[in-house]
Amino acid sequence: MIPPLVRTLATGSIVLVGGAITISALTTCILRRKALINKEKFGKICSYCRGNGFYKCKVCKGNGTIRWSPLYDPVFVNPCVCPTCDGHRVQRCLNCLGDGRV
């Protein structure tokens, strides 16, 4: 049996902690949304991707595969999926993080 005073204190503390976490999450969400709106309104277009958010992969040069051989003087050269773009031929712009605006 838990004494009623301890039960009341535990319930009250749980409610306070839960409320604080909820307010913190709500504030974070609102601030992120506000930053995104400001970025769309006042941000410049990214010069690297020209506002697309993506550009041609620089490792595979937009091919999707790379030539790889485990030996220094290759006898066999195997085409492998590009590890940077995973074969999609484009990669996300690191300057604007895919938003198209800086």
C-alpha atoms as a PDB file:
ATOM      1  CA  MET A   1       0.000   0.000   0.000  1.00  0.00           C
ATOM      2  CA  ILE A   2       1.317   3.382  -1.009  1.00  0.00           C
ATOM      3  CA  PRO A   3       0.410   6.205   1.347  1.00  0.00           C
ATOM      4  CA  PRO A   4      -2.030   8.714  -0.189  1.00  0.00           C
ATOM      5  CA  LEU A   5       0.356  11.639   0.294  1.00  0.00           C
ATOM      6  CA  VAL A   6       3.149   9.938  -1.691  1.00  0.00           C
ATOM      7  CA  ARG A   7       0.662   8.928  -4.407  1.00  0.00           C
ATOM      8  CA  THR A   8      -0.569  12.539  -4.705  1.00  0.00           C
ATOM      9  CA  LEU A   9       2.984  13.910  -4.867  1.00  0.00           C
ATOM     10  CA  ALA A  10       3.978  11.355  -7.518  1.00  0.00           C
ATOM     11  CA  THR A  11       0.907  12.105  -9.635  1.00  0.00           C
ATOM     12  CA  GLY A  12       1.509  15.850  -9.384  1.00  0.00           C
ATOM     13  CA  SER A  13       5.160  15.546 -10.344  1.00  0.00           C
ATOM     14  CA  ILE A  14       4.311  13.337 -13.330  1.00  0.00           C
ATOM     15  CA  VAL A  15       1.741  15.886 -14.526  1.00  0.00           C
ATOM     16  CA  LEU A  16       4.257  18.735 -14.175  1.00  0.00           C
ATOM     17  CA  VAL A  17       7.030  16.878 -16.015  1.00  0.00           C
ATOM     18  CA  GLY A  18       4.648  15.810 -18.786  1.00  0.00           C
ATOM     19  CA  GLY A  19       3.406  19.369 -19.167  1.00  0.00           C
ATOM     20  CA  ALA A  20       6.947  20.733 -19.345  1.00  0.00           C
ATOM     21  CA  ILE A  21       7.893  18.202 -22.045  1.00  0.00           C
ATOM     22  CA  THR A  22       4.744  19.030 -24.029  1.00  0.00           C
ATOM     23  CA  ILE A  23       5.399  22.773 -23.864  1.00  0.00           C
ATOM     24  CA  SER A  24       9.020  22.248 -24.883  1.00  0.00           C
ATOM     25  CA  ALA A  25       8.048  20.115 -27.893  1.00  0.00           C
ATOM     26  CA  LEU A  26       5.389  22.603 -28.964  1.00  0.00           C
ATOM     27  CA  THR A  27       7.804  25.528 -28.702  1.00  0.00           C
ATOM     28  CA  THR A  28      10.424  23.688 -30.734  1.00  0.00           C
ATOM     29  CA  CYS A  29       7.896  22.887 -33.452  1.00  0.00           C
ATOM     30  CA  ILE A  30       6.715  26.497 -33.651  1.00  0.00           C
ATOM     31  CA  LEU A  31      10.270  27.878 -33.829  1.00  0.00           C
ATOM     32  CA  ARG A  32      11.263  25.446 -36.592  1.00  0.00           C
ATOM     33  CA  ARG A  33       8.199  26.396 -38.618  1.00  0.00           C
ATOM     34  CA  LYS A  34       8.949  30.105 -38.130  1.00  0.00           C
ATOM     35  CA  ALA A  35      12.551  29.594 -39.283  1.00  0.00           C
ATOM     36  CA  LEU A  36      11.343  27.740 -42.393  1.00  0.00           C
ATOM     37  CA  ILE A  37       8.905  30.532 -43.246  1.00  0.00           C
ATOM     38  CA  ASN A  38      11.659  33.144 -42.821  1.00  0.00           C
ATOM     39  CA  LYS A  39      14.004  31.081 -45.001  1.00  0.00           C
ATOM     40  CA  GLU A  40      11.402  30.909 -47.771  1.00  0.00           C
ATOM     41  CA  LYS A  41      10.577  34.601 -47.472  1.00  0.00           C
ATOM     42  CA  PHE A  42      14.018  36.197 -47.059  1.00  0.00           C
ATOM     43  CA  GLY A  43      16.523  33.492 -48.071  1.00  0.00           C
ATOM     44  CA  LYS A  44      18.674  33.660 -51.183  1.00  0.00           C
ATOM     45  CA  ILE A  45      18.602  30.935 -53.809  1.00  0.00           C
ATOM     46  CA  CYS A  46      21.479  28.496 -53.312  1.00  0.00           C
ATOM     47  CA  SER A  47      24.283  29.140 -55.803  1.00  0.00           C
ATOM     48  CA  TYR A  48      25.553  25.546 -55.824  1.00  0.00           C
ATOM     49  CA  CYS A  49      22.324  23.729 -56.721  1.00  0.00           C
ATOM     50  CA  ARG A  50      20.579  26.787 -58.256  1.00  0.00           C
ATOM     51  CA  GLY A  51      17.539  26.323 -56.039  1.00  0.00           C
ATOM     52  CA  ASN A  52      16.895  22.648 -56.858  1.00  0.00           C
ATOM     53  CA  GLY A  53      18.175  21.212 -53.593  1.00  0.00           C
ATOM     54  CA  PHE A  54      20.021  18.456 -55.484  1.00  0.00           C
ATOM     55  CA  TYR A  55      22.922  18.317 -57.906  1.00  0.00           C
ATOM     56  CA  LYS A  56      24.632  15.695 -60.056  1.00  0.00           C
ATOM     57  CA  CYS A  57      26.700  13.259 -58.001  1.00  0.00           C
ATOM     58  CA  LYS A  58      30.379  14.203 -58.089  1.00  0.00           C
ATOM     59  CA  VAL A  59      31.714  10.718 -57.330  1.00  0.00           C
ATOM     60  CA  CYS A  60      30.023   8.844 -60.187  1.00  0.00           C
ATOM     61  CA  LYS A  61      29.487  11.983 -62.345  1.00  0.00           C
ATOM     62  CA  GLY A  62      25.759  11.223 -62.617  1.00  0.00           C
ATOM     63  CA  ASN A  63      26.244   7.670 -63.866  1.00  0.00           C
ATOM     64  CA  GLY A  64      25.006   5.824 -60.769  1.00  0.00           C
ATOM     65  CA  THR A  65      27.857   3.307 -60.823  1.00  0.00           C
ATOM     66  CA  ILE A  66      31.588   3.452 -60.220  1.00  0.00           C
ATOM     67  CA  ARG A  67      34.386   1.200 -61.470  1.00  0.00           C
ATOM     68  CA  TRP A  68      36.020  -0.625 -58.589  1.00  0.00           C
ATOM     69  CA  SER A  69      38.732  -3.216 -58.253  1.00  0.00           C
ATOM     70  CA  PRO A  70      40.218  -4.591 -55.018  1.00  0.00           C
ATOM     71  CA  LEU A  71      43.690  -4.819 -56.568  1.00  0.00           C
ATOM     72  CA  TYR A  72      46.138  -2.026 -57.349  1.00  0.00           C
ATOM     73  CA  ASP A  73      46.733  -3.273 -60.898  1.00  0.00           C
ATOM     74  CA  PRO A  74      43.250  -4.481 -61.787  1.00  0.00           C
ATOM     75  CA  VAL A  75      42.690  -7.580 -63.836  1.00  0.00           C
ATOM     76  CA  PHE A  76      38.931  -7.306 -63.430  1.00  0.00           C
ATOM     77  CA  VAL A  77      37.077  -4.032 -62.961  1.00  0.00           C
ATOM     78  CA  ASN A  78      33.646  -4.410 -61.414  1.00  0.00           C
ATOM     79  CA  PRO A  79      30.899  -1.818 -61.798  1.00  0.00           C
ATOM     80  CA  CYS A  80      29.424  -1.096 -58.365  1.00  0.00           C
ATOM     81  CA  VAL A  81      26.628   1.108 -57.119  1.00  0.00           C
ATOM     82  CA  CYS A  82      27.893   4.542 -56.156  1.00  0.00           C
ATOM     83  CA  PRO A  83      28.213   4.771 -52.355  1.00  0.00           C
ATOM     84  CA  THR A  84      27.510   8.518 -52.303  1.00  0.00           C
ATOM     85  CA  CYS A  85      24.219   8.669 -54.220  1.00  0.00           C
ATOM     86  CA  ASP A  86      23.191   4.978 -53.870  1.00  0.00           C
ATOM     87  CA  GLY A  87      22.630   4.801 -57.627  1.00  0.00           C
ATOM     88  CA  HIS A  88      20.152   7.698 -57.751  1.00  0.00           C
ATOM     89  CA  ARG A  89      22.606   9.834 -59.782  1.00  0.00           C
ATOM     90  CA  VAL A  90      21.956  12.951 -57.683  1.00  0.00           C
ATOM     91  CA  GLN A  91      22.947  13.929 -54.176  1.00  0.00           C
ATOM     92  CA  ARG A  92      21.457  16.415 -51.740  1.00  0.00           C
ATOM     93  CA  CYS A  93      23.083  19.822 -51.721  1.00  0.00           C
ATOM     94  CA  LEU A  94      25.211  20.225 -48.609  1.00  0.00           C
ATOM     95  CA  ASN A  95      25.152  24.008 -48.789  1.00  0.00           C
ATOM     96  CA  CYS A  96      21.358  24.413 -48.416  1.00  0.00           C
ATOM     97  CA  LEU A  97      20.617  20.891 -47.063  1.00  0.00           C
ATOM     98  CA  GLY A  98      18.154  20.252 -49.894  1.00  0.00           C
ATOM     99  CA  ASP A  99      15.955  23.318 -49.291  1.00  0.00           C
ATOM    100  CA  GLY A 100      17.144  25.274 -52.316  1.00  0.00           C
ATOM    101  CA  ARG A 101      17.592  28.433 -50.247  1.00  0.00           C
ATOM    102  CA  VAL A 102      20.360  29.646 -47.976  1.00  0.00           C
END
